[in-house]
Amino acid sequence: MSKTKLTINNNGSVKIEGDFEIVDKNGNAYGLQGREVLSICRCGLSQNKPFCDGAHKGHFEHDAIAFDLPPKKV
């Protein structure tokens, strides 16, 4: 089983690669038709949410630079 990798793209989607399942709020799985790579919408403009359809181009700006979160609250 390959490790799941999420890549936050500049000005765009979240790319998911590896072995994963995507479910709705009720736990029902989306039919991914064997895909091992796909992109999730971050901008809210996609007509195919939760999946990216490229509608963000020119309408969404975010420089994806990794950073450390603050410590977990206990």
N, C-alpha and C. Protein backbone atom coordinates (compact mmCIF):
# COMPACT_ATOMS: atom_id res chain seq x y z
N MET A 1 0.85 -1.18 0.00
CA MET A 1 0.00 0.00 0.00
C MET A 1 0.90 1.24 0.00
N SER A 2 0.66 2.13 -0.93
CA SER A 2 1.47 3.34 -1.00
C SER A 2 0.98 4.39 -0.01
N LYS A 3 1.91 5.19 0.44
CA LYS A 3 1.59 6.28 1.37
C LYS A 3 0.79 7.34 0.64
N THR A 4 -0.23 7.88 1.29
CA THR A 4 -1.04 8.94 0.70
C THR A 4 -0.29 10.26 0.85
N LYS A 5 -0.26 11.03 -0.23
CA LYS A 5 0.43 12.32 -0.24
C LYS A 5 -0.55 13.40 -0.70
N LEU A 6 -0.63 14.49 0.06
CA LEU A 6 -1.43 15.65 -0.32
C LEU A 6 -0.47 16.79 -0.63
N THR A 7 -0.64 17.41 -1.79
CA THR A 7 0.18 18.54 -2.19
C THR A 7 -0.72 19.75 -2.32
N ILE A 8 -0.39 20.81 -1.57
CA ILE A 8 -1.14 22.06 -1.64
C ILE A 8 -0.51 22.87 -2.76
N ASN A 9 -1.23 23.04 -3.84
CA ASN A 9 -0.71 23.74 -5.02
C ASN A 9 -0.87 25.25 -4.88
N ASN A 10 0.13 26.00 -5.37
CA ASN A 10 0.00 27.45 -5.43
C ASN A 10 -1.24 27.81 -6.25
N ASN A 11 -2.02 28.76 -5.75
CA ASN A 11 -3.16 29.30 -6.50
C ASN A 11 -4.10 28.23 -7.02
N GLY A 12 -4.26 27.14 -6.29
CA GLY A 12 -5.12 26.10 -6.82
C GLY A 12 -5.52 25.03 -5.83
N SER A 13 -5.62 23.84 -6.33
CA SER A 13 -6.23 22.71 -5.64
C SER A 13 -5.29 22.01 -4.66
N VAL A 14 -5.84 20.99 -4.02
CA VAL A 14 -5.06 20.05 -3.23
C VAL A 14 -4.99 18.77 -4.04
N LYS A 15 -3.79 18.37 -4.42
CA LYS A 15 -3.58 17.14 -5.19
C LYS A 15 -3.40 15.99 -4.22
N ILE A 16 -4.15 14.90 -4.44
CA ILE A 16 -4.07 13.70 -3.61
C ILE A 16 -3.50 12.58 -4.46
N GLU A 17 -2.49 11.90 -3.91
CA GLU A 17 -1.86 10.78 -4.61
C GLU A 17 -1.71 9.61 -3.64
N GLY A 18 -1.87 8.41 -4.15
CA GLY A 18 -1.64 7.22 -3.34
C GLY A 18 -2.89 6.40 -3.17
N ASP A 19 -2.97 5.73 -2.03
CA ASP A 19 -4.10 4.88 -1.70
C ASP A 19 -5.03 5.66 -0.79
N PHE A 20 -6.21 6.02 -1.27
CA PHE A 20 -7.13 6.84 -0.48
C PHE A 20 -8.56 6.54 -0.87
N GLU A 21 -9.45 6.96 0.01
CA GLU A 21 -10.90 6.89 -0.23
C GLU A 21 -11.44 8.25 0.16
N ILE A 22 -12.42 8.75 -0.58
CA ILE A 22 -13.08 10.02 -0.25
C ILE A 22 -14.54 9.71 0.00
N VAL A 23 -15.03 10.16 1.17
CA VAL A 23 -16.41 9.89 1.55
C VAL A 23 -17.14 11.20 1.81
N ASP A 24 -18.47 11.18 1.67
CA ASP A 24 -19.28 12.36 1.97
C ASP A 24 -19.57 12.41 3.47
N LYS A 25 -20.35 13.40 3.89
CA LYS A 25 -20.62 13.59 5.32
C LYS A 25 -21.34 12.41 5.96
N ASN A 26 -21.96 11.56 5.15
CA ASN A 26 -22.67 10.39 5.66
C ASN A 26 -21.83 9.12 5.59
N GLY A 27 -20.58 9.25 5.15
CA GLY A 27 -19.70 8.10 5.05
C GLY A 27 -19.81 7.33 3.75
N ASN A 28 -20.58 7.84 2.78
CA ASN A 28 -20.72 7.19 1.48
C ASN A 28 -19.53 7.53 0.60
N ALA A 29 -18.93 6.51 0.00
CA ALA A 29 -17.74 6.71 -0.82
C ALA A 29 -18.10 7.26 -2.20
N TYR A 30 -17.28 8.23 -2.65
CA TYR A 30 -17.37 8.71 -4.03
C TYR A 30 -16.80 7.62 -4.94
N GLY A 31 -17.39 7.42 -6.11
CA GLY A 31 -16.87 6.45 -7.07
C GLY A 31 -15.71 7.06 -7.85
N LEU A 32 -14.50 6.73 -7.46
CA LEU A 32 -13.31 7.34 -8.05
C LEU A 32 -12.80 6.60 -9.27
N GLN A 33 -13.44 5.52 -9.63
CA GLN A 33 -13.14 4.77 -10.85
C GLN A 33 -11.66 4.39 -10.95
N GLY A 34 -11.07 4.00 -9.82
CA GLY A 34 -9.70 3.51 -9.81
C GLY A 34 -8.62 4.59 -9.82
N ARG A 35 -9.00 5.85 -9.73
CA ARG A 35 -8.00 6.92 -9.74
C ARG A 35 -7.10 6.84 -8.52
N GLU A 36 -5.81 7.05 -8.75
CA GLU A 36 -4.82 7.11 -7.68
C GLU A 36 -4.26 8.51 -7.52
N VAL A 37 -4.69 9.44 -8.39
CA VAL A 37 -4.32 10.85 -8.34
C VAL A 37 -5.54 11.66 -8.73
N LEU A 38 -5.87 12.68 -7.91
CA LEU A 38 -6.92 13.62 -8.28
C LEU A 38 -6.74 14.89 -7.47
N SER A 39 -7.51 15.92 -7.80
CA SER A 39 -7.38 17.20 -7.12
C SER A 39 -8.71 17.61 -6.50
N ILE A 40 -8.61 18.18 -5.29
CA ILE A 40 -9.76 18.66 -4.54
C ILE A 40 -9.80 20.18 -4.61
N CYS A 41 -10.98 20.74 -4.82
CA CYS A 41 -11.18 22.19 -4.92
C CYS A 41 -10.89 22.86 -3.58
N ARG A 42 -10.15 23.98 -3.62
CA ARG A 42 -9.93 24.81 -2.43
C ARG A 42 -10.61 26.17 -2.57
N CYS A 43 -10.95 26.57 -3.79
CA CYS A 43 -11.43 27.94 -4.02
C CYS A 43 -12.95 28.06 -3.90
N GLY A 44 -13.67 26.95 -4.02
CA GLY A 44 -15.12 26.98 -3.95
C GLY A 44 -15.81 27.31 -5.26
N LEU A 45 -15.05 27.47 -6.35
CA LEU A 45 -15.64 27.85 -7.64
C LEU A 45 -15.95 26.67 -8.55
N SER A 46 -15.45 25.49 -8.23
CA SER A 46 -15.65 24.32 -9.08
C SER A 46 -17.13 23.96 -9.21
N GLN A 47 -17.54 23.58 -10.40
CA GLN A 47 -18.90 23.08 -10.62
C GLN A 47 -18.96 21.58 -10.31
N ASN A 48 -17.82 20.99 -9.95
CA ASN A 48 -17.71 19.56 -9.72
C ASN A 48 -17.21 19.28 -8.29
N LYS A 49 -17.57 20.18 -7.33
CA LYS A 49 -17.10 20.03 -5.96
C LYS A 49 -17.48 18.66 -5.41
N PRO A 50 -16.62 18.03 -4.65
CA PRO A 50 -15.41 18.56 -4.05
C PRO A 50 -14.19 18.50 -4.95
N PHE A 51 -14.36 18.08 -6.19
CA PHE A 51 -13.22 17.90 -7.09
C PHE A 51 -12.94 19.18 -7.88
N CYS A 52 -11.68 19.41 -8.19
CA CYS A 52 -11.26 20.60 -8.92
C CYS A 52 -11.58 20.46 -10.41
N ASP A 53 -12.11 21.53 -11.00
CA ASP A 53 -12.34 21.54 -12.45
C ASP A 53 -11.56 22.67 -13.14
N GLY A 54 -10.65 23.32 -12.40
CA GLY A 54 -9.83 24.38 -12.97
C GLY A 54 -10.45 25.76 -12.91
N ALA A 55 -11.64 25.90 -12.31
CA ALA A 55 -12.33 27.19 -12.26
C ALA A 55 -11.56 28.25 -11.46
N HIS A 56 -10.59 27.82 -10.65
CA HIS A 56 -9.83 28.74 -9.81
C HIS A 56 -8.89 29.64 -10.60
N LYS A 57 -8.53 29.24 -11.79
CA LYS A 57 -7.52 29.98 -12.56
C LYS A 57 -7.88 31.46 -12.68
N GLY A 58 -6.99 32.30 -12.13
CA GLY A 58 -7.19 33.74 -12.17
C GLY A 58 -8.13 34.28 -11.10
N HIS A 59 -8.65 33.41 -10.24
CA HIS A 59 -9.63 33.84 -9.23
C HIS A 59 -9.25 33.46 -7.81
N PHE A 60 -8.10 32.87 -7.63
CA PHE A 60 -7.73 32.35 -6.32
C PHE A 60 -6.23 32.48 -6.16
N GLU A 61 -5.79 33.17 -5.11
CA GLU A 61 -4.36 33.35 -4.90
C GLU A 61 -3.96 32.83 -3.53
N HIS A 62 -2.96 31.96 -3.53
CA HIS A 62 -2.39 31.46 -2.28
C HIS A 62 -1.04 30.85 -2.60
N ASP A 63 0.01 31.37 -1.97
CA ASP A 63 1.34 30.79 -2.11
C ASP A 63 1.45 29.65 -1.11
N ALA A 64 1.59 28.45 -1.62
CA ALA A 64 1.65 27.26 -0.77
C ALA A 64 3.08 27.08 -0.25
N ILE A 65 3.33 27.59 0.94
CA ILE A 65 4.63 27.48 1.59
C ILE A 65 4.40 26.77 2.93
N ALA A 66 5.11 25.66 3.12
CA ALA A 66 4.95 24.88 4.34
C ALA A 66 5.42 25.66 5.57
N PHE A 67 4.75 25.42 6.68
CA PHE A 67 5.13 26.04 7.96
C PHE A 67 4.73 25.09 9.09
N ASP A 68 5.27 25.32 10.26
CA ASP A 68 4.94 24.51 11.44
C ASP A 68 3.74 25.08 12.14
N LEU A 69 2.80 24.21 12.49
CA LEU A 69 1.66 24.61 13.30
C LEU A 69 2.12 24.83 14.73
N PRO A 70 1.37 25.60 15.50
CA PRO A 70 1.70 25.73 16.92
C PRO A 70 1.49 24.38 17.61
N PRO A 71 2.08 24.20 18.79
CA PRO A 71 1.90 22.93 19.50
C PRO A 71 0.42 22.61 19.73
N LYS A 72 0.11 21.32 19.75
CA LYS A 72 -1.26 20.89 20.04
C LYS A 72 -1.65 21.30 21.45
N LYS A 73 -2.89 21.73 21.59
CA LYS A 73 -3.42 22.04 22.93
C LYS A 73 -3.75 20.73 23.63
N VAL A 74 -3.45 20.69 24.89
CA VAL A 74 -3.74 19.46 25.66
C VAL A 74 -4.80 19.69 26.70
